[in-house]
Protein backbone atom coordinates (compact mmCIF):
# COMPACT_ATOMS: atom_id res chain seq x y z
CA UNK A 1 0.00 0.00 0.00
CA UNK A 2 2.78 2.42 0.94
CA UNK A 3 4.78 1.40 -2.13
CA UNK A 4 1.76 1.96 -4.39
CA UNK A 5 1.19 5.41 -2.93
CA UNK A 6 4.88 6.30 -3.34
CA UNK A 7 4.82 5.14 -6.98
CA UNK A 8 1.64 7.13 -7.62
CA UNK A 9 3.18 10.27 -6.10
CA UNK A 10 6.35 9.74 -8.13
CA UNK A 11 4.30 9.26 -11.32
CA UNK A 12 2.33 12.45 -10.73
CA UNK A 13 5.52 14.41 -10.09
CA UNK A 14 7.00 13.00 -13.32
CA UNK A 15 3.90 14.07 -15.26
CA UNK A 16 4.09 17.55 -13.77
CA UNK A 17 7.76 17.82 -14.67
CA UNK A 18 6.98 16.67 -18.23
CA UNK A 19 4.29 19.35 -18.56
CA UNK A 20 6.84 22.00 -17.63
CA UNK A 21 9.89 20.72 -19.52
CA UNK A 22 8.37 19.50 -22.78
CA UNK A 23 6.85 22.87 -23.86
CA UNK A 24 10.10 24.59 -22.89
CA UNK A 25 12.04 22.18 -25.11
CA UNK A 26 9.59 22.73 -27.97
CA UNK A 27 9.90 26.52 -27.62
CA UNK A 28 13.70 26.24 -27.63
CA UNK A 29 13.52 24.11 -30.79
CA UNK A 30 11.26 26.67 -32.48
CA UNK A 31 13.65 29.48 -31.54
CA UNK A 32 16.56 27.48 -33.00
CA UNK A 33 14.58 27.04 -36.22
CA UNK A 34 13.74 30.76 -36.37
CA UNK A 35 17.39 31.66 -35.84
CA UNK A 36 18.49 29.22 -38.55
CA UNK A 37 15.96 30.67 -41.00
CA UNK A 38 16.99 34.20 -40.13
CA UNK A 39 20.64 33.31 -40.78
CA UNK A 40 19.72 31.65 -44.05
CA UNK A 41 17.51 34.51 -45.25
CA UNK A 42 18.92 37.79 -43.94
CA UNK A 43 16.56 40.73 -43.50
CA UNK A 44 16.42 43.06 -46.51
CA UNK A 45 18.24 46.35 -46.24
CA UNK A 46 16.35 49.66 -46.24
CA UNK A 47 17.27 50.21 -49.89
CA UNK A 48 15.83 46.83 -50.88
CA UNK A 49 12.64 47.60 -48.93
CA UNK A 50 12.26 50.90 -50.78
CA UNK A 51 12.59 49.12 -54.11
CA UNK A 52 9.90 46.64 -53.10
CA UNK A 53 7.57 49.42 -51.93
CA UNK A 54 8.05 51.41 -55.16
PDB file of N, CA and C in Angstrom:
ATOM      1  N   UNK A   1       0.833  -1.203   0.000  1.00  0.00           N
ATOM      2  CA  UNK A   1       0.000   0.000   0.000  1.00  0.00           C
ATOM      3  C   UNK A   1       0.875   1.263   0.000  1.00  0.00           C
ATOM      4  N   UNK A   2       1.881   1.264   0.863  1.00  0.00           N
ATOM      5  CA  UNK A   2       2.781   2.424   0.938  1.00  0.00           C
ATOM      6  C   UNK A   2       3.575   2.547  -0.363  1.00  0.00           C
ATOM      7  N   UNK A   3       4.002   1.394  -0.889  1.00  0.00           N
ATOM      8  CA  UNK A   3       4.778   1.405  -2.132  1.00  0.00           C
ATOM      9  C   UNK A   3       3.912   1.937  -3.274  1.00  0.00           C
ATOM     10  N   UNK A   4       2.658   1.507  -3.324  1.00  0.00           N
ATOM     11  CA  UNK A   4       1.759   1.959  -4.385  1.00  0.00           C
ATOM     12  C   UNK A   4       1.559   3.470  -4.305  1.00  0.00           C
ATOM     13  N   UNK A   5       1.373   3.976  -3.103  1.00  0.00           N
ATOM     14  CA  UNK A   5       1.185   5.412  -2.929  1.00  0.00           C
ATOM     15  C   UNK A   5       2.451   6.181  -3.329  1.00  0.00           C
ATOM     16  N   UNK A   6       3.612   5.642  -2.981  1.00  0.00           N
ATOM     17  CA  UNK A   6       4.877   6.295  -3.341  1.00  0.00           C
ATOM     18  C   UNK A   6       5.049   6.305  -4.861  1.00  0.00           C
ATOM     19  N   UNK A   7       4.719   5.202  -5.516  1.00  0.00           N
ATOM     20  CA  UNK A   7       4.819   5.139  -6.976  1.00  0.00           C
ATOM     21  C   UNK A   7       3.845   6.118  -7.632  1.00  0.00           C
ATOM     22  N   UNK A   8       2.647   6.211  -7.077  1.00  0.00           N
ATOM     23  CA  UNK A   8       1.644   7.133  -7.617  1.00  0.00           C
ATOM     24  C   UNK A   8       2.122   8.581  -7.481  1.00  0.00           C
ATOM     25  N   UNK A   9       2.656   8.926  -6.324  1.00  0.00           N
ATOM     26  CA  UNK A   9       3.185  10.274  -6.102  1.00  0.00           C
ATOM     27  C   UNK A   9       4.332  10.565  -7.052  1.00  0.00           C
ATOM     28  N   UNK A  10       5.212   9.581  -7.230  1.00  0.00           N
ATOM     29  CA  UNK A  10       6.352   9.738  -8.133  1.00  0.00           C
ATOM     30  C   UNK A  10       5.867   9.913  -9.578  1.00  0.00           C
ATOM     31  N   UNK A  11       4.865   9.143  -9.972  1.00  0.00           N
ATOM     32  CA  UNK A  11       4.304   9.256 -11.317  1.00  0.00           C
ATOM     33  C   UNK A  11       3.688  10.614 -11.569  1.00  0.00           C
ATOM     34  N   UNK A  12       2.952  11.123 -10.582  1.00  0.00           N
ATOM     35  CA  UNK A  12       2.331  12.447 -10.725  1.00  0.00           C
ATOM     36  C   UNK A  12       3.403  13.526 -10.826  1.00  0.00           C
ATOM     37  N   UNK A  13       4.456  13.409 -10.019  1.00  0.00           N
ATOM     38  CA  UNK A  13       5.521  14.413 -10.086  1.00  0.00           C
ATOM     39  C   UNK A  13       6.238  14.348 -11.435  1.00  0.00           C
ATOM     40  N   UNK A  14       6.395  13.138 -11.997  1.00  0.00           N
ATOM     41  CA  UNK A  14       7.003  13.002 -13.323  1.00  0.00           C
ATOM     42  C   UNK A  14       6.131  13.660 -14.390  1.00  0.00           C
ATOM     43  N   UNK A  15       4.820  13.456 -14.294  1.00  0.00           N
ATOM     44  CA  UNK A  15       3.904  14.068 -15.262  1.00  0.00           C
ATOM     45  C   UNK A  15       3.958  15.589 -15.169  1.00  0.00           C
ATOM     46  N   UNK A  16       4.014  16.096 -13.954  1.00  0.00           N
ATOM     47  CA  UNK A  16       4.094  17.545 -13.765  1.00  0.00           C
ATOM     48  C   UNK A  16       5.382  18.088 -14.354  1.00  0.00           C
ATOM     49  N   UNK A  17       6.479  17.389 -14.122  1.00  0.00           N
ATOM     50  CA  UNK A  17       7.765  17.817 -14.669  1.00  0.00           C
ATOM     51  C   UNK A  17       7.722  17.778 -16.197  1.00  0.00           C
ATOM     52  N   UNK A  18       7.077  16.776 -16.766  1.00  0.00           N
ATOM     53  CA  UNK A  18       6.982  16.673 -18.227  1.00  0.00           C
ATOM     54  C   UNK A  18       6.169  17.828 -18.788  1.00  0.00           C
ATOM     55  N   UNK A  19       5.109  18.231 -18.089  1.00  0.00           N
ATOM     56  CA  UNK A  19       4.287  19.351 -18.563  1.00  0.00           C
ATOM     57  C   UNK A  19       5.084  20.647 -18.580  1.00  0.00           C
ATOM     58  N   UNK A  20       6.044  20.778 -17.682  1.00  0.00           N
ATOM     59  CA  UNK A  20       6.845  22.002 -17.628  1.00  0.00           C
ATOM     60  C   UNK A  20       7.981  21.939 -18.641  1.00  0.00           C
ATOM     61  N   UNK A  21       8.671  20.803 -18.716  1.00  0.00           N
ATOM     62  CA  UNK A  21       9.890  20.719 -19.518  1.00  0.00           C
ATOM     63  C   UNK A  21       9.635  20.540 -21.000  1.00  0.00           C
ATOM     64  N   UNK A  22       8.595  19.777 -21.362  1.00  0.00           N
ATOM     65  CA  UNK A  22       8.366  19.503 -22.784  1.00  0.00           C
ATOM     66  C   UNK A  22       8.045  20.778 -23.561  1.00  0.00           C
ATOM     67  N   UNK A  23       7.098  21.624 -23.107  1.00  0.00           N
ATOM     68  CA  UNK A  23       6.846  22.865 -23.862  1.00  0.00           C
ATOM     69  C   UNK A  23       8.080  23.763 -23.930  1.00  0.00           C
ATOM     70  N   UNK A  24       8.879  23.777 -22.871  1.00  0.00           N
ATOM     71  CA  UNK A  24      10.098  24.593 -22.887  1.00  0.00           C
ATOM     72  C   UNK A  24      11.053  24.071 -23.958  1.00  0.00           C
ATOM     73  N   UNK A  25      11.171  22.757 -24.084  1.00  0.00           N
ATOM     74  CA  UNK A  25      12.042  22.180 -25.111  1.00  0.00           C
ATOM     75  C   UNK A  25      11.511  22.485 -26.502  1.00  0.00           C
ATOM     76  N   UNK A  26      10.189  22.422 -26.665  1.00  0.00           N
ATOM     77  CA  UNK A  26       9.587  22.725 -27.970  1.00  0.00           C
ATOM     78  C   UNK A  26       9.825  24.188 -28.328  1.00  0.00           C
ATOM     79  N   UNK A  27       9.658  25.088 -27.351  1.00  0.00           N
ATOM     80  CA  UNK A  27       9.904  26.518 -27.617  1.00  0.00           C
ATOM     81  C   UNK A  27      11.359  26.748 -28.003  1.00  0.00           C
ATOM     82  N   UNK A  28      12.277  26.091 -27.310  1.00  0.00           N
ATOM     83  CA  UNK A  28      13.700  26.241 -27.633  1.00  0.00           C
ATOM     84  C   UNK A  28      13.972  25.756 -29.054  1.00  0.00           C
ATOM     85  N   UNK A  29      13.343  24.643 -29.436  1.00  0.00           N
ATOM     86  CA  UNK A  29      13.516  24.108 -30.789  1.00  0.00           C
ATOM     87  C   UNK A  29      12.981  25.091 -31.832  1.00  0.00           C
ATOM     88  N   UNK A  30      11.842  25.704 -31.541  1.00  0.00           N
ATOM     89  CA  UNK A  30      11.262  26.671 -32.480  1.00  0.00           C
ATOM     90  C   UNK A  30      12.175  27.891 -32.611  1.00  0.00           C
ATOM     91  N   UNK A  31      12.745  28.331 -31.488  1.00  0.00           N
ATOM     92  CA  UNK A  31      13.653  29.475 -31.542  1.00  0.00           C
ATOM     93  C   UNK A  31      14.890  29.139 -32.356  1.00  0.00           C
ATOM     94  N   UNK A  32      15.402  27.907 -32.204  1.00  0.00           N
ATOM     95  CA  UNK A  32      16.558  27.481 -33.002  1.00  0.00           C
ATOM     96  C   UNK A  32      16.212  27.511 -34.487  1.00  0.00           C
ATOM     97  N   UNK A  33      15.005  27.058 -34.825  1.00  0.00           N
ATOM     98  CA  UNK A  33      14.576  27.043 -36.225  1.00  0.00           C
ATOM     99  C   UNK A  33      14.456  28.464 -36.752  1.00  0.00           C
ATOM    100  N   UNK A  34      13.875  29.355 -35.947  1.00  0.00           N
ATOM    101  CA  UNK A  34      13.739  30.757 -36.367  1.00  0.00           C
ATOM    102  C   UNK A  34      15.112  31.375 -36.602  1.00  0.00           C
ATOM    103  N   UNK A  35      16.039  31.102 -35.701  1.00  0.00           N
ATOM    104  CA  UNK A  35      17.389  31.657 -35.840  1.00  0.00           C
ATOM    105  C   UNK A  35      18.050  31.116 -37.102  1.00  0.00           C
ATOM    106  N   UNK A  36      17.888  29.821 -37.353  1.00  0.00           N
ATOM    107  CA  UNK A  36      18.488  29.217 -38.545  1.00  0.00           C
ATOM    108  C   UNK A  36      17.907  29.843 -39.809  1.00  0.00           C
ATOM    109  N   UNK A  37      16.591  30.047 -39.823  1.00  0.00           N
ATOM    110  CA  UNK A  37      15.959  30.665 -40.996  1.00  0.00           C
ATOM    111  C   UNK A  37      16.432  32.101 -41.169  1.00  0.00           C
ATOM    112  N   UNK A  38      16.553  32.816 -40.064  1.00  0.00           N
ATOM    113  CA  UNK A  38      16.989  34.203 -40.127  1.00  0.00           C
ATOM    114  C   UNK A  38      18.418  34.290 -40.674  1.00  0.00           C
ATOM    115  N   UNK A  39      19.264  33.341 -40.269  1.00  0.00           N
ATOM    116  CA  UNK A  39      20.644  33.314 -40.780  1.00  0.00           C
ATOM    117  C   UNK A  39      20.659  32.974 -42.267  1.00  0.00           C
ATOM    118  N   UNK A  40      19.757  32.087 -42.660  1.00  0.00           N
ATOM    119  CA  UNK A  40      19.724  31.649 -44.052  1.00  0.00           C
ATOM    120  C   UNK A  40      19.163  32.744 -44.965  1.00  0.00           C
ATOM    121  N   UNK A  41      18.134  33.444 -44.476  1.00  0.00           N
ATOM    122  CA  UNK A  41      17.511  34.512 -45.252  1.00  0.00           C
ATOM    123  C   UNK A  41      17.650  35.819 -44.480  1.00  0.00           C
ATOM    124  N   UNK A  42      18.723  36.557 -44.699  1.00  0.00           N
ATOM    125  CA  UNK A  42      18.915  37.794 -43.935  1.00  0.00           C
ATOM    126  C   UNK A  42      17.835  38.825 -44.264  1.00  0.00           C
ATOM    127  N   UNK A  43      17.583  39.696 -43.309  1.00  0.00           N
ATOM    128  CA  UNK A  43      16.560  40.729 -43.499  1.00  0.00           C
ATOM    129  C   UNK A  43      16.997  41.673 -44.614  1.00  0.00           C
ATOM    130  N   UNK A  44      16.053  42.139 -45.433  1.00  0.00           N
ATOM    131  CA  UNK A  44      16.416  43.060 -46.507  1.00  0.00           C
ATOM    132  C   UNK A  44      16.873  44.403 -45.959  1.00  0.00           C
ATOM    133  N   UNK A  45      17.769  45.033 -46.666  1.00  0.00           N
ATOM    134  CA  UNK A  45      18.243  46.345 -46.241  1.00  0.00           C
ATOM    135  C   UNK A  45      17.153  47.384 -46.522  1.00  0.00           C
ATOM    136  N   UNK A  46      17.340  48.598 -46.018  1.00  0.00           N
ATOM    137  CA  UNK A  46      16.354  49.662 -46.243  1.00  0.00           C
ATOM    138  C   UNK A  46      16.201  49.961 -47.729  1.00  0.00           C
ATOM    139  N   UNK A  47      17.300  49.922 -48.450  1.00  0.00           N
ATOM    140  CA  UNK A  47      17.268  50.205 -49.889  1.00  0.00           C
ATOM    141  C   UNK A  47      16.427  49.151 -50.620  1.00  0.00           C
ATOM    142  N   UNK A  48      16.615  47.896 -50.253  1.00  0.00           N
ATOM    143  CA  UNK A  48      15.827  46.831 -50.880  1.00  0.00           C
ATOM    144  C   UNK A  48      14.351  46.984 -50.542  1.00  0.00           C
ATOM    145  N   UNK A  49      14.039  47.384 -49.315  1.00  0.00           N
ATOM    146  CA  UNK A  49      12.639  47.595 -48.925  1.00  0.00           C
ATOM    147  C   UNK A  49      12.018  48.714 -49.753  1.00  0.00           C
ATOM    148  N   UNK A  50      12.770  49.794 -49.987  1.00  0.00           N
ATOM    149  CA  UNK A  50      12.259  50.904 -50.784  1.00  0.00           C
ATOM    150  C   UNK A  50      11.951  50.451 -52.209  1.00  0.00           C
ATOM    151  N   UNK A  51      12.820  49.614 -52.748  1.00  0.00           N
ATOM    152  CA  UNK A  51      12.594  49.117 -54.112  1.00  0.00           C
ATOM    153  C   UNK A  51      11.316  48.289 -54.157  1.00  0.00           C
ATOM    154  N   UNK A  52      11.099  47.475 -53.145  1.00  0.00           N
ATOM    155  CA  UNK A  52       9.898  46.637 -53.103  1.00  0.00           C
ATOM    156  C   UNK A  52       8.658  47.510 -52.964  1.00  0.00           C
ATOM    157  N   UNK A  53       8.724  48.538 -52.130  1.00  0.00           N
ATOM    158  CA  UNK A  53       7.571  49.425 -51.928  1.00  0.00           C
ATOM    159  C   UNK A  53       7.238  50.168 -53.220  1.00  0.00           C
ATOM    160  N   UNK A  54       8.256  50.674 -53.913  1.00  0.00           N
ATOM    161  CA  UNK A  54       8.047  51.407 -55.160  1.00  0.00           C
ATOM    162  C   UNK A  54       7.653  50.408 -56.230  1.00  0.00           C
TER     163      UNK A  54
END
